[in-house]
Amino acid sequence: RNASVPYGLNTPEEPNISSTRWRIVVDHKRLLYFFESAL
């Protein structure tokens, strides 16, 4: 989350920077796949 970009952020002078839409976390040992949407 700390490395994410606020949802809806628009930086006209740097159009390649985009909002974070979702995040995924994989627990390899327990074989759990976590999903988190910004919305």
Full PDB file with SEQRES, HELIX, SHEET, SSBOND, CRYST1, ORIGX, SCALE, CONECT and MASTER records, all heavy atoms in Angstrom:
SEQRES   1 A   39  ARG ASN ALA SER VAL PRO TYR GLY LEU ASN THR PRO GLU          
SEQRES   2 A   39  GLU PRO ASN ILE SER SER THR ARG TRP ARG ILE VAL VAL          
SEQRES   3 A   39  ASP HIS LYS ARG LEU LEU TYR PHE PHE GLU SER ALA LEU          
SHEET    1 AA1 2 TRP A  22  ASP A  27  0                                        
SHEET    2 AA1 2 LEU A  32  SER A  37 -1                                        
CRYST1    1.000    1.000    1.000  90.00  90.00  90.00 P 1           1          
ORIGX1      1.000000  0.000000  0.000000        0.00000                         
ORIGX2      0.000000  1.000000  0.000000        0.00000                         
ORIGX3      0.000000  0.000000  1.000000        0.00000                         
SCALE1      1.000000  0.000000  0.000000        0.00000                         
SCALE2      0.000000  1.000000  0.000000        0.00000                         
SCALE3      0.000000  0.000000  1.000000        0.00000                         
ATOM      1  N   ARG A   1       0.835  -1.208   0.000  1.00  0.00           N  
ATOM      2  CA  ARG A   1       0.000   0.000   0.000  1.00  0.00           C  
ATOM      3  C   ARG A   1       0.866   1.254   0.000  1.00  0.00           C  
ATOM      4  O   ARG A   1       0.536   2.252  -0.637  1.00  0.00           O  
ATOM      5  CB  ARG A   1      -0.935  -0.015   1.203  1.00  0.00           C  
ATOM      6  CG  ARG A   1      -2.059  -1.055   1.090  1.00  0.00           C  
ATOM      7  CD  ARG A   1      -2.758  -1.274   2.419  1.00  0.00           C  
ATOM      8  NE  ARG A   1      -3.774  -2.325   2.335  1.00  0.00           N  
ATOM      9  CZ  ARG A   1      -4.164  -3.058   3.368  1.00  0.00           C  
ATOM     10  NH1 ARG A   1      -3.628  -2.869   4.569  1.00  0.00           N  
ATOM     11  NH2 ARG A   1      -5.088  -3.995   3.209  1.00  0.00           N  
ATOM     12  N   ASN A   2       1.989   1.187   0.713  1.00  0.00           N  
ATOM     13  CA  ASN A   2       2.909   2.324   0.748  1.00  0.00           C  
ATOM     14  C   ASN A   2       3.496   2.621  -0.631  1.00  0.00           C  
ATOM     15  O   ASN A   2       3.807   3.772  -0.956  1.00  0.00           O  
ATOM     16  CB  ASN A   2       4.034   2.041   1.750  1.00  0.00           C  
ATOM     17  CG  ASN A   2       5.049   3.151   1.849  1.00  0.00           C  
ATOM     18  OD1 ASN A   2       5.954   3.244   1.021  1.00  0.00           O  
ATOM     19  ND2 ASN A   2       4.900   3.990   2.858  1.00  0.00           N  
ATOM     20  N   ALA A   3       3.637   1.575  -1.456  1.00  0.00           N  
ATOM     21  CA  ALA A   3       4.194   1.744  -2.801  1.00  0.00           C  
ATOM     22  C   ALA A   3       3.118   1.986  -3.852  1.00  0.00           C  
ATOM     23  O   ALA A   3       3.410   2.025  -5.049  1.00  0.00           O  
ATOM     24  CB  ALA A   3       5.007   0.504  -3.177  1.00  0.00           C  
ATOM     25  N   SER A   4       1.875   2.151  -3.425  1.00  0.00           N  
ATOM     26  CA  SER A   4       0.766   2.351  -4.360  1.00  0.00           C  
ATOM     27  C   SER A   4       0.576   3.830  -4.680  1.00  0.00           C  
ATOM     28  O   SER A   4       1.081   4.711  -3.981  1.00  0.00           O  
ATOM     29  CB  SER A   4      -0.529   1.779  -3.761  1.00  0.00           C  
ATOM     30  OG  SER A   4      -0.426   0.381  -3.575  1.00  0.00           O  
ATOM     31  N   VAL A   5      -0.184   4.073  -5.753  1.00  0.00           N  
ATOM     32  CA  VAL A   5      -0.489   5.433  -6.207  1.00  0.00           C  
ATOM     33  C   VAL A   5      -1.954   5.729  -5.880  1.00  0.00           C  
ATOM     34  O   VAL A   5      -2.828   4.915  -6.189  1.00  0.00           O  
ATOM     35  CB  VAL A   5      -0.245   5.569  -7.726  1.00  0.00           C  
ATOM     36  CG1 VAL A   5      -0.543   6.992  -8.192  1.00  0.00           C  
ATOM     37  CG2 VAL A   5       1.194   5.180  -8.065  1.00  0.00           C  
ATOM     38  N   PRO A   6      -2.260   6.843  -5.235  1.00  0.00           N  
ATOM     39  CA  PRO A   6      -3.649   7.144  -4.854  1.00  0.00           C  
ATOM     40  C   PRO A   6      -4.611   7.026  -6.027  1.00  0.00           C  
ATOM     41  O   PRO A   6      -4.302   7.459  -7.149  1.00  0.00           O  
ATOM     42  CB  PRO A   6      -3.571   8.585  -4.339  1.00  0.00           C  
ATOM     43  CG  PRO A   6      -2.167   8.729  -3.848  1.00  0.00           C  
ATOM     44  CD  PRO A   6      -1.333   7.912  -4.788  1.00  0.00           C  
ATOM     45  N   TYR A   7      -5.775   6.450  -5.750  1.00  0.00           N  
ATOM     46  CA  TYR A   7      -6.756   6.234  -6.810  1.00  0.00           C  
ATOM     47  C   TYR A   7      -7.239   7.567  -7.366  1.00  0.00           C  
ATOM     48  O   TYR A   7      -7.572   8.491  -6.618  1.00  0.00           O  
ATOM     49  CB  TYR A   7      -7.954   5.435  -6.292  1.00  0.00           C  
ATOM     50  CG  TYR A   7      -8.891   5.023  -7.405  1.00  0.00           C  
ATOM     51  CD1 TYR A   7      -8.607   3.919  -8.196  1.00  0.00           C  
ATOM     52  CD2 TYR A   7     -10.035   5.765  -7.693  1.00  0.00           C  
ATOM     53  CE1 TYR A   7      -9.432   3.542  -9.236  1.00  0.00           C  
ATOM     54  CE2 TYR A   7     -10.879   5.398  -8.728  1.00  0.00           C  
ATOM     55  CZ  TYR A   7     -10.570   4.286  -9.500  1.00  0.00           C  
ATOM     56  OH  TYR A   7     -11.387   3.929 -10.538  1.00  0.00           O  
ATOM     57  N   GLY A   8      -7.268   7.657  -8.700  1.00  0.00           N  
ATOM     58  CA  GLY A   8      -7.740   8.858  -9.372  1.00  0.00           C  
ATOM     59  C   GLY A   8      -6.684   9.914  -9.588  1.00  0.00           C  
ATOM     60  O   GLY A   8      -6.952  10.936 -10.223  1.00  0.00           O  
ATOM     61  N   LEU A   9      -5.456   9.664  -9.085  1.00  0.00           N  
ATOM     62  CA  LEU A   9      -4.402  10.659  -9.249  1.00  0.00           C  
ATOM     63  C   LEU A   9      -4.045  10.823 -10.717  1.00  0.00           C  
ATOM     64  O   LEU A   9      -3.821   9.847 -11.430  1.00  0.00           O  
ATOM     65  CB  LEU A   9      -3.160  10.245  -8.468  1.00  0.00           C  
ATOM     66  CG  LEU A   9      -1.980  11.227  -8.540  1.00  0.00           C  
ATOM     67  CD1 LEU A   9      -2.319  12.515  -7.807  1.00  0.00           C  
ATOM     68  CD2 LEU A   9      -0.723  10.601  -7.947  1.00  0.00           C  
ATOM     69  N   ASN A  10      -3.985  12.059 -11.165  1.00  0.00           N  
ATOM     70  CA  ASN A  10      -3.609  12.366 -12.539  1.00  0.00           C  
ATOM     71  C   ASN A  10      -2.527  13.419 -12.512  1.00  0.00           C  
ATOM     72  O   ASN A  10      -2.714  14.505 -11.946  1.00  0.00           O  
ATOM     73  CB  ASN A  10      -4.827  12.880 -13.319  1.00  0.00           C  
ATOM     74  CG  ASN A  10      -4.470  13.202 -14.772  1.00  0.00           C  
ATOM     75  OD1 ASN A  10      -3.532  12.638 -15.314  1.00  0.00           O  
ATOM     76  ND2 ASN A  10      -5.220  14.108 -15.376  1.00  0.00           N  
ATOM     77  N   THR A  11      -1.378  13.090 -13.075  1.00  0.00           N  
ATOM     78  CA  THR A  11      -0.260  14.023 -13.127  1.00  0.00           C  
ATOM     79  C   THR A  11      -0.014  14.389 -14.586  1.00  0.00           C  
ATOM     80  O   THR A  11       0.674  13.671 -15.315  1.00  0.00           O  
ATOM     81  CB  THR A  11       1.012  13.381 -12.515  1.00  0.00           C  
ATOM     82  OG1 THR A  11       0.681  12.822 -11.245  1.00  0.00           O  
ATOM     83  CG2 THR A  11       2.108  14.409 -12.350  1.00  0.00           C  
ATOM     84  N   PRO A  12      -0.594  15.511 -15.072  1.00  0.00           N  
ATOM     85  CA  PRO A  12      -0.533  15.838 -16.497  1.00  0.00           C  
ATOM     86  C   PRO A  12       0.885  15.888 -17.060  1.00  0.00           C  
ATOM     87  O   PRO A  12       1.139  15.463 -18.192  1.00  0.00           O  
ATOM     88  CB  PRO A  12      -1.217  17.212 -16.563  1.00  0.00           C  
ATOM     89  CG  PRO A  12      -2.121  17.238 -15.383  1.00  0.00           C  
ATOM     90  CD  PRO A  12      -1.385  16.491 -14.306  1.00  0.00           C  
ATOM     91  N   GLU A  13       1.842  16.405 -16.244  1.00  0.00           N  
ATOM     92  CA  GLU A  13       3.209  16.526 -16.767  1.00  0.00           C  
ATOM     93  C   GLU A  13       3.928  15.179 -16.803  1.00  0.00           C  
ATOM     94  O   GLU A  13       4.999  15.060 -17.400  1.00  0.00           O  
ATOM     95  CB  GLU A  13       4.011  17.534 -15.931  1.00  0.00           C  
ATOM     96  CG  GLU A  13       4.246  17.139 -14.489  1.00  0.00           C  
ATOM     97  CD  GLU A  13       3.110  17.572 -13.564  1.00  0.00           C  
ATOM     98  OE1 GLU A  13       2.004  17.866 -14.074  1.00  0.00           O  
ATOM     99  OE2 GLU A  13       3.335  17.603 -12.349  1.00  0.00           O  
ATOM    100  N   GLU A  14       3.364  14.150 -16.165  1.00  0.00           N  
ATOM    101  CA  GLU A  14       3.942  12.807 -16.202  1.00  0.00           C  
ATOM    102  C   GLU A  14       2.813  11.808 -16.444  1.00  0.00           C  
ATOM    103  O   GLU A  14       2.389  11.082 -15.545  1.00  0.00           O  
ATOM    104  CB  GLU A  14       4.675  12.497 -14.895  1.00  0.00           C  
ATOM    105  CG  GLU A  14       5.878  13.401 -14.670  1.00  0.00           C  
ATOM    106  CD  GLU A  14       6.745  12.912 -13.527  1.00  0.00           C  
ATOM    107  OE1 GLU A  14       7.162  11.732 -13.581  1.00  0.00           O  
ATOM    108  OE2 GLU A  14       7.015  13.675 -12.615  1.00  0.00           O  
ATOM    109  N   PRO A  15       2.325  11.726 -17.681  1.00  0.00           N  
ATOM    110  CA  PRO A  15       1.147  10.903 -17.973  1.00  0.00           C  
ATOM    111  C   PRO A  15       1.341   9.420 -17.759  1.00  0.00           C  
ATOM    112  O   PRO A  15       0.375   8.668 -17.701  1.00  0.00           O  
ATOM    113  CB  PRO A  15       0.874  11.212 -19.457  1.00  0.00           C  
ATOM    114  CG  PRO A  15       2.191  11.669 -20.000  1.00  0.00           C  
ATOM    115  CD  PRO A  15       2.862  12.390 -18.876  1.00  0.00           C  
ATOM    116  N   ASN A  16       2.598   8.961 -17.631  1.00  0.00           N  
ATOM    117  CA  ASN A  16       2.828   7.532 -17.451  1.00  0.00           C  
ATOM    118  C   ASN A  16       2.638   7.056 -16.013  1.00  0.00           C  
ATOM    119  O   ASN A  16       2.676   5.866 -15.744  1.00  0.00           O  
ATOM    120  CB  ASN A  16       4.240   7.154 -17.923  1.00  0.00           C  
ATOM    121  CG  ASN A  16       4.355   7.189 -19.434  1.00  0.00           C  
ATOM    122  OD1 ASN A  16       3.390   6.948 -20.129  1.00  0.00           O  
ATOM    123  ND2 ASN A  16       5.530   7.504 -19.926  1.00  0.00           N  
ATOM    124  N   ILE A  17       2.486   7.989 -15.060  1.00  0.00           N  
ATOM    125  CA  ILE A  17       2.199   7.603 -13.687  1.00  0.00           C  
ATOM    126  C   ILE A  17       0.706   7.390 -13.555  1.00  0.00           C  
ATOM    127  O   ILE A  17      -0.090   8.280 -13.841  1.00  0.00           O  
ATOM    128  CB  ILE A  17       2.701   8.659 -12.691  1.00  0.00           C  
ATOM    129  CG1 ILE A  17       4.232   8.716 -12.715  1.00  0.00           C  
ATOM    130  CG2 ILE A  17       2.212   8.345 -11.281  1.00  0.00           C  
ATOM    131  CD1 ILE A  17       4.829   9.723 -11.761  1.00  0.00           C  
ATOM    132  N   SER A  18       0.297   6.209 -13.118  1.00  0.00           N  
ATOM    133  CA  SER A  18      -1.109   5.813 -13.119  1.00  0.00           C  
ATOM    134  C   SER A  18      -1.559   5.398 -11.732  1.00  0.00           C  
ATOM    135  O   SER A  18      -0.760   5.016 -10.885  1.00  0.00           O  
ATOM    136  CB  SER A  18      -1.330   4.649 -14.095  1.00  0.00           C  
ATOM    137  OG  SER A  18      -0.845   4.964 -15.377  1.00  0.00           O  
ATOM    138  N   SER A  19      -2.873   5.443 -11.517  1.00  0.00           N  
ATOM    139  CA  SER A  19      -3.457   5.044 -10.238  1.00  0.00           C  
ATOM    140  C   SER A  19      -3.304   3.542 -10.006  1.00  0.00           C  
ATOM    141  O   SER A  19      -3.336   2.748 -10.948  1.00  0.00           O  
ATOM    142  CB  SER A  19      -4.949   5.380 -10.216  1.00  0.00           C  
ATOM    143  OG  SER A  19      -5.165   6.757 -10.398  1.00  0.00           O  
ATOM    144  N   THR A  20      -3.164   3.164  -8.742  1.00  0.00           N  
ATOM    145  CA  THR A  20      -3.210   1.750  -8.383  1.00  0.00           C  
ATOM    146  C   THR A  20      -4.660   1.285  -8.426  1.00  0.00           C  
ATOM    147  O   THR A  20      -5.520   1.847  -7.756  1.00  0.00           O  
ATOM    148  CB  THR A  20      -2.628   1.508  -6.989  1.00  0.00           C  
ATOM    149  OG1 THR A  20      -1.242   1.875  -6.992  1.00  0.00           O  
ATOM    150  CG2 THR A  20      -2.753   0.039  -6.585  1.00  0.00           C  
ATOM    151  N   ARG A  21      -4.928   0.245  -9.204  1.00  0.00           N  
ATOM    152  CA  ARG A  21      -6.294  -0.270  -9.359  1.00  0.00           C  
ATOM    153  C   ARG A  21      -6.545  -1.486  -8.475  1.00  0.00           C  
ATOM    154  O   ARG A  21      -7.651  -1.668  -7.989  1.00  0.00           O  
ATOM    155  CB  ARG A  21      -6.560  -0.604 -10.829  1.00  0.00           C  
ATOM    156  CG  ARG A  21      -6.513   0.666 -11.673  1.00  0.00           C  
ATOM    157  CD  ARG A  21      -7.019   0.513 -13.065  1.00  0.00           C  
ATOM    158  NE  ARG A  21      -7.257   1.858 -13.591  1.00  0.00           N  
ATOM    159  CZ  ARG A  21      -8.403   2.504 -13.539  1.00  0.00           C  
ATOM    160  NH1 ARG A  21      -9.452   1.919 -12.999  1.00  0.00           N  
ATOM    161  NH2 ARG A  21      -8.523   3.716 -14.007  1.00  0.00           N  
ATOM    162  N   TRP A  22      -5.533  -2.335  -8.309  1.00  0.00           N  
ATOM    163  CA  TRP A  22      -5.674  -3.473  -7.401  1.00  0.00           C  
ATOM    164  C   TRP A  22      -4.312  -3.936  -6.912  1.00  0.00           C  
ATOM    165  O   TRP A  22      -3.282  -3.570  -7.464  1.00  0.00           O  
ATOM    166  CB  TRP A  22      -6.450  -4.622  -8.022  1.00  0.00           C  
ATOM    167  CG  TRP A  22      -6.112  -5.077  -9.428  1.00  0.00           C  
ATOM    168  CD1 TRP A  22      -6.806  -4.802 -10.566  1.00  0.00           C  
ATOM    169  CD2 TRP A  22      -5.019  -5.934  -9.839  1.00  0.00           C  
ATOM    170  NE1 TRP A  22      -6.224  -5.417 -11.648  1.00  0.00           N  
ATOM    171  CE2 TRP A  22      -5.131  -6.126 -11.227  1.00  0.00           C  
ATOM    172  CE3 TRP A  22      -3.980  -6.558  -9.161  1.00  0.00           C  
ATOM    173  CZ2 TRP A  22      -4.226  -6.897 -11.968  1.00  0.00           C  
ATOM    174  CZ3 TRP A  22      -3.068  -7.325  -9.873  1.00  0.00           C  
ATOM    175  CH2 TRP A  22      -3.202  -7.491 -11.264  1.00  0.00           C  
ATOM    176  N   ARG A  23      -4.364  -4.721  -5.837  1.00  0.00           N  
ATOM    177  CA  ARG A  23      -3.164  -5.307  -5.243  1.00  0.00           C  
ATOM    178  C   ARG A  23      -3.398  -6.792  -5.022  1.00  0.00           C  
ATOM    179  O   ARG A  23      -4.516  -7.213  -4.687  1.00  0.00           O  
ATOM    180  CB  ARG A  23      -2.838  -4.624  -3.909  1.00  0.00           C  
ATOM    181  CG  ARG A  23      -2.302  -3.216  -4.037  1.00  0.00           C  
ATOM    182  CD  ARG A  23      -2.198  -2.523  -2.682  1.00  0.00           C  
ATOM    183  NE  ARG A  23      -3.506  -2.108  -2.215  1.00  0.00           N  
ATOM    184  CZ  ARG A  23      -4.039  -0.896  -2.429  1.00  0.00           C  
ATOM    185  NH1 ARG A  23      -3.359   0.006  -3.116  1.00  0.00           N  
ATOM    186  NH2 ARG A  23      -5.232  -0.585  -1.962  1.00  0.00           N  
ATOM    187  N   ILE A  24      -2.344  -7.571  -5.195  1.00  0.00           N  
ATOM    188  CA  ILE A  24      -2.390  -9.018  -4.955  1.00  0.00           C  
ATOM    189  C   ILE A  24      -1.257  -9.395  -4.018  1.00  0.00           C  
ATOM    190  O   ILE A  24      -0.129  -8.898  -4.160  1.00  0.00           O  
ATOM    191  CB  ILE A  24      -2.288  -9.806  -6.268  1.00  0.00           C  
ATOM    192  CG1 ILE A  24      -3.612  -9.733  -7.050  1.00  0.00           C  
ATOM    193  CG2 ILE A  24      -1.906 -11.268  -6.016  1.00  0.00           C  
ATOM    194  CD1 ILE A  24      -3.551 -10.315  -8.434  1.00  0.00           C  
ATOM    195  N   VAL A  25      -1.549 -10.259  -3.045  1.00  0.00           N  
ATOM    196  CA  VAL A  25      -0.539 -10.787  -2.134  1.00  0.00           C  
ATOM    197  C   VAL A  25      -0.651 -12.313  -2.143  1.00  0.00           C  
ATOM    198  O   VAL A  25      -1.740 -12.859  -1.960  1.00  0.00           O  
ATOM    199  CB  VAL A  25      -0.724 -10.239  -0.706  1.00  0.00           C  
ATOM    200  CG1 VAL A  25       0.239 -10.919   0.252  1.00  0.00           C  
ATOM    201  CG2 VAL A  25      -0.503  -8.721  -0.685  1.00  0.00           C  
ATOM    202  N   VAL A  26       0.464 -12.996  -2.359  1.00  0.00           N  
ATOM    203  CA  VAL A  26       0.506 -14.457  -2.443  1.00  0.00           C  
ATOM    204  C   VAL A  26       1.240 -15.018  -1.232  1.00  0.00           C  
ATOM    205  O   VAL A  26       2.406 -14.688  -0.998  1.00  0.00           O  
ATOM    206  CB  VAL A  26       1.208 -14.928  -3.733  1.00  0.00           C  
ATOM    207  CG1 VAL A  26       1.319 -16.449  -3.750  1.00  0.00           C  
ATOM    208  CG2 VAL A  26       0.472 -14.426  -4.961  1.00  0.00           C  
ATOM    209  N   ASP A  27       0.553 -15.830  -0.455  1.00  0.00           N  
ATOM    210  CA  ASP A  27       1.162 -16.569   0.647  1.00  0.00           C  
ATOM    211  C   ASP A  27       1.574 -17.930   0.083  1.00  0.00           C  
ATOM    212  O   ASP A  27       0.747 -18.827  -0.089  1.00  0.00           O  
ATOM    213  CB  ASP A  27       0.143 -16.724   1.785  1.00  0.00           C  
ATOM    214  CG  ASP A  27       0.711 -17.403   3.029  1.00  0.00           C  
ATOM    215  OD1 ASP A  27       1.588 -18.276   2.879  1.00  0.00           O  
ATOM    216  OD2 ASP A  27       0.266 -17.073   4.138  1.00  0.00           O  
ATOM    217  N   HIS A  28       2.855 -18.074  -0.233  1.00  0.00           N  
ATOM    218  CA  HIS A  28       3.341 -19.285  -0.910  1.00  0.00           C  
ATOM    219  C   HIS A  28       3.201 -20.527  -0.042  1.00  0.00           C  
ATOM    220  O   HIS A  28       2.899 -21.612  -0.555  1.00  0.00           O  
ATOM    221  CB  HIS A  28       4.820 -19.117  -1.300  1.00  0.00           C  
ATOM    222  CG  HIS A  28       5.072 -18.087  -2.346  1.00  0.00           C  
ATOM    223  ND1 HIS A  28       5.250 -18.401  -3.674  1.00  0.00           N  
ATOM    224  CD2 HIS A  28       5.180 -16.744  -2.264  1.00  0.00           C  
ATOM    225  CE1 HIS A  28       5.472 -17.294  -4.364  1.00  0.00           C  
ATOM    226  NE2 HIS A  28       5.432 -16.275  -3.522  1.00  0.00           N  
ATOM    227  N   LYS A  29       3.434 -20.400   1.243  1.00  0.00           N  
ATOM    228  CA  LYS A  29       3.416 -21.557   2.136  1.00  0.00           C  
ATOM    229  C   LYS A  29       2.000 -22.089   2.326  1.00  0.00           C  
ATOM    230  O   LYS A  29       1.760 -23.304   2.271  1.00  0.00           O  
ATOM    231  CB  LYS A  29       4.033 -21.183   3.483  1.00  0.00           C  
ATOM    232  CG  LYS A  29       4.153 -22.359   4.447  1.00  0.00           C  
ATOM    233  CD  LYS A  29       4.877 -21.946   5.725  1.00  0.00           C  
ATOM    234  CE  LYS A  29       5.061 -23.120   6.665  1.00  0.00           C  
ATOM    235  NZ  LYS A  29       5.794 -22.724   7.894  1.00  0.00           N  
ATOM    236  N   ARG A  30       1.049 -21.189   2.536  1.00  0.00           N  
ATOM    237  CA  ARG A  30      -0.333 -21.606   2.787  1.00  0.00           C  
ATOM    238  C   ARG A  30      -1.176 -21.664   1.519  1.00  0.00           C  
ATOM    239  O   ARG A  30      -2.362 -22.010   1.563  1.00  0.00           O  
ATOM    240  CB  ARG A  30      -0.975 -20.667   3.814  1.00  0.00           C  
ATOM    241  CG  ARG A  30      -0.314 -20.739   5.179  1.00  0.00           C  
ATOM    242  CD  ARG A  30      -1.099 -19.981   6.229  1.00  0.00           C  
ATOM    243  NE  ARG A  30      -1.050 -18.537   6.010  1.00  0.00           N  
ATOM    244  CZ  ARG A  30      -1.731 -17.635   6.734  1.00  0.00           C  
ATOM    245  NH1 ARG A  30      -2.547 -18.068   7.701  1.00  0.00           N  
ATOM    246  NH2 ARG A  30      -1.612 -16.354   6.493  1.00  0.00           N  
ATOM    247  N   LEU A  31      -0.566 -21.308   0.382  1.00  0.00           N  
ATOM    248  CA  LEU A  31      -1.248 -21.318  -0.914  1.00  0.00           C  
ATOM    249  C   LEU A  31      -2.537 -20.494  -0.875  1.00  0.00           C  
ATOM    250  O   LEU A  31      -3.609 -20.952  -1.287  1.00  0.00           O  
ATOM    251  CB  LEU A  31      -1.518 -22.745  -1.388  1.00  0.00           C  
ATOM    252  CG  LEU A  31      -0.283 -23.552  -1.817  1.00  0.00           C  
ATOM    253  CD1 LEU A  31      -0.684 -24.978  -2.194  1.00  0.00           C  
ATOM    254  CD2 LEU A  31       0.438 -22.886  -2.988  1.00  0.00           C  
ATOM    255  N   LEU A  32      -2.391 -19.260  -0.403  1.00  0.00           N  
ATOM    256  CA  LEU A  32      -3.496 -18.311  -0.368  1.00  0.00           C  
ATOM    257  C   LEU A  32      -3.185 -17.150  -1.298  1.00  0.00           C  
ATOM    258  O   LEU A  32      -2.059 -16.650  -1.337  1.00  0.00           O  
ATOM    259  CB  LEU A  32      -3.713 -17.785   1.060  1.00  0.00           C  
ATOM    260  CG  LEU A  32      -4.064 -18.825   2.127  1.00  0.00           C  
ATOM    261  CD1 LEU A  32      -4.137 -18.170   3.494  1.00  0.00           C  
ATOM    262  CD2 LEU A  32      -5.384 -19.523   1.796  1.00  0.00           C  
ATOM    263  N   TYR A  33      -4.202 -16.719  -2.039  1.00  0.00           N  
ATOM    264  CA  TYR A  33      -4.053 -15.661  -3.039  1.00  0.00           C  
ATOM    265  C   TYR A  33      -5.015 -14.538  -2.648  1.00  0.00           C  
ATOM    266  O   TYR A  33      -6.227 -14.678  -2.771  1.00  0.00           O  
ATOM    267  CB  TYR A  33      -4.397 -16.228  -4.418  1.00  0.00           C  
ATOM    268  CG  TYR A  33      -4.034 -15.387  -5.620  1.00  0.00           C  
ATOM    269  CD1 TYR A  33      -2.728 -15.350  -6.091  1.00  0.00           C  
ATOM    270  CD2 TYR A  33      -5.008 -14.669  -6.315  1.00  0.00           C  
ATOM    271  CE1 TYR A  33      -2.398 -14.621  -7.226  1.00  0.00           C  
ATOM    272  CE2 TYR A  33      -4.684 -13.945  -7.450  1.00  0.00           C  
ATOM    273  CZ  TYR A  33      -3.378 -13.918  -7.905  1.00  0.00           C  
ATOM    274  OH  TYR A  33      -3.061 -13.200  -9.038  1.00  0.00           O  
ATOM    275  N   PHE A  34      -4.468 -13.442  -2.139  1.00  0.00           N  
ATOM    276  CA  PHE A  34      -5.269 -12.326  -1.653  1.00  0.00           C  
ATOM    277  C   PHE A  34      -5.440 -11.268  -2.740  1.00  0.00           C  
ATOM    278  O   PHE A  34      -4.487 -10.961  -3.469  1.00  0.00           O  
ATOM    279  CB  PHE A  34      -4.603 -11.683  -0.435  1.00  0.00           C  
ATOM    280  CG  PHE A  34      -4.570 -12.566   0.782  1.00  0.00           C  
ATOM    281  CD1 PHE A  34      -3.576 -13.523   0.935  1.00  0.00           C  
ATOM    282  CD2 PHE A  34      -5.527 -12.454   1.772  1.00  0.00           C  
ATOM    283  CE1 PHE A  34      -3.533 -14.341   2.055  1.00  0.00           C  
ATOM    284  CE2 PHE A  34      -5.499 -13.266   2.891  1.00  0.00           C  
ATOM    285  CZ  PHE A  34      -4.504 -14.208   3.026  1.00  0.00           C  
ATOM    286  N   PHE A  35      -6.646 -10.713  -2.821  1.00  0.00           N  
ATOM    287  CA  PHE A  35      -6.933  -9.678  -3.820  1.00  0.00           C  
ATOM    288  C   PHE A  35      -7.581  -8.489  -3.123  1.00  0.00           C  
ATOM    289  O   PHE A  35      -8.493  -8.650  -2.313  1.00  0.00           O  
ATOM    290  CB  PHE A  35      -7.867 -10.204  -4.910  1.00  0.00           C  
ATOM    291  CG  PHE A  35      -8.052  -9.259  -6.066  1.00  0.00           C  
ATOM    292  CD1 PHE A  35      -7.235  -9.351  -7.179  1.00  0.00           C  
ATOM    293  CD2 PHE A  35      -9.025  -8.263  -6.028  1.00  0.00           C  
ATOM    294  CE1 PHE A  35      -7.388  -8.473  -8.245  1.00  0.00           C  
ATOM    295  CE2 PHE A  35      -9.192  -7.385  -7.090  1.00  0.00           C  
ATOM    296  CZ  PHE A  35      -8.367  -7.492  -8.203  1.00  0.00           C  
ATOM    297  N   GLU A  36      -7.118  -7.299  -3.483  1.00  0.00           N  
ATOM    298  CA  GLU A  36      -7.656  -6.064  -2.906  1.00  0.00           C  
ATOM    299  C   GLU A  36      -7.847  -5.035  -4.023  1.00  0.00           C  
ATOM    300  O   GLU A  36      -6.884  -4.623  -4.665  1.00  0.00           O  
ATOM    301  CB  GLU A  36      -6.701  -5.518  -1.851  1.00  0.00           C  
ATOM    302  CG  GLU A  36      -7.173  -4.246  -1.167  1.00  0.00           C  
ATOM    303  CD  GLU A  36      -6.201  -3.797  -0.101  1.00  0.00           C  
ATOM    304  OE1 GLU A  36      -5.109  -3.292  -0.457  1.00  0.00           O  
ATOM    305  OE2 GLU A  36      -6.522  -3.949   1.097  1.00  0.00           O  
ATOM    306  N   SER A  37      -9.083  -4.635  -4.259  1.00  0.00           N  
ATOM    307  CA  SER A  37      -9.388  -3.607  -5.254  1.00  0.00           C  
ATOM    308  C   SER A  37      -9.418  -2.240  -4.586  1.00  0.00           C  
ATOM    309  O   SER A  37      -9.833  -2.107  -3.425  1.00  0.00           O  
ATOM    310  CB  SER A  37     -10.741  -3.890  -5.912  1.00  0.00           C  
ATOM    311  OG  SER A  37     -11.151  -2.779  -6.707  1.00  0.00           O  
ATOM    312  N   ALA A  38      -9.020  -1.219  -5.322  1.00  0.00           N  
ATOM    313  CA  ALA A  38      -9.082   0.146  -4.793  1.00  0.00           C  
ATOM    314  C   ALA A  38     -10.515   0.619  -4.605  1.00  0.00           C  
ATOM    315  O   ALA A  38     -10.762   1.585  -3.874  1.00  0.00           O  
ATOM    316  CB  ALA A  38      -8.339   1.099  -5.736  1.00  0.00           C  
ATOM    317  N   LEU A  39     -11.475  -0.047  -5.252  1.00  0.00           N  
ATOM    318  CA  LEU A  39     -12.857   0.421  -5.238  1.00  0.00           C  
ATOM    319  C   LEU A  39     -13.775  -0.380  -4.323  1.00  0.00           C  
ATOM    320  O   LEU A  39     -14.987  -0.149  -4.315  1.00  0.00           O  
ATOM    321  CB  LEU A  39     -13.428   0.417  -6.662  1.00  0.00           C  
ATOM    322  CG  LEU A  39     -12.848   1.445  -7.623  1.00  0.00           C  
ATOM    323  CD1 LEU A  39     -13.566   1.379  -8.961  1.00  0.00           C  
ATOM    324  CD2 LEU A  39     -12.934   2.852  -7.051  1.00  0.00           C  
TER     325      LEU A  39                                                      
MASTER        0    0    0    0    2    0    0    6  324    1    0    3          
END                                                                             
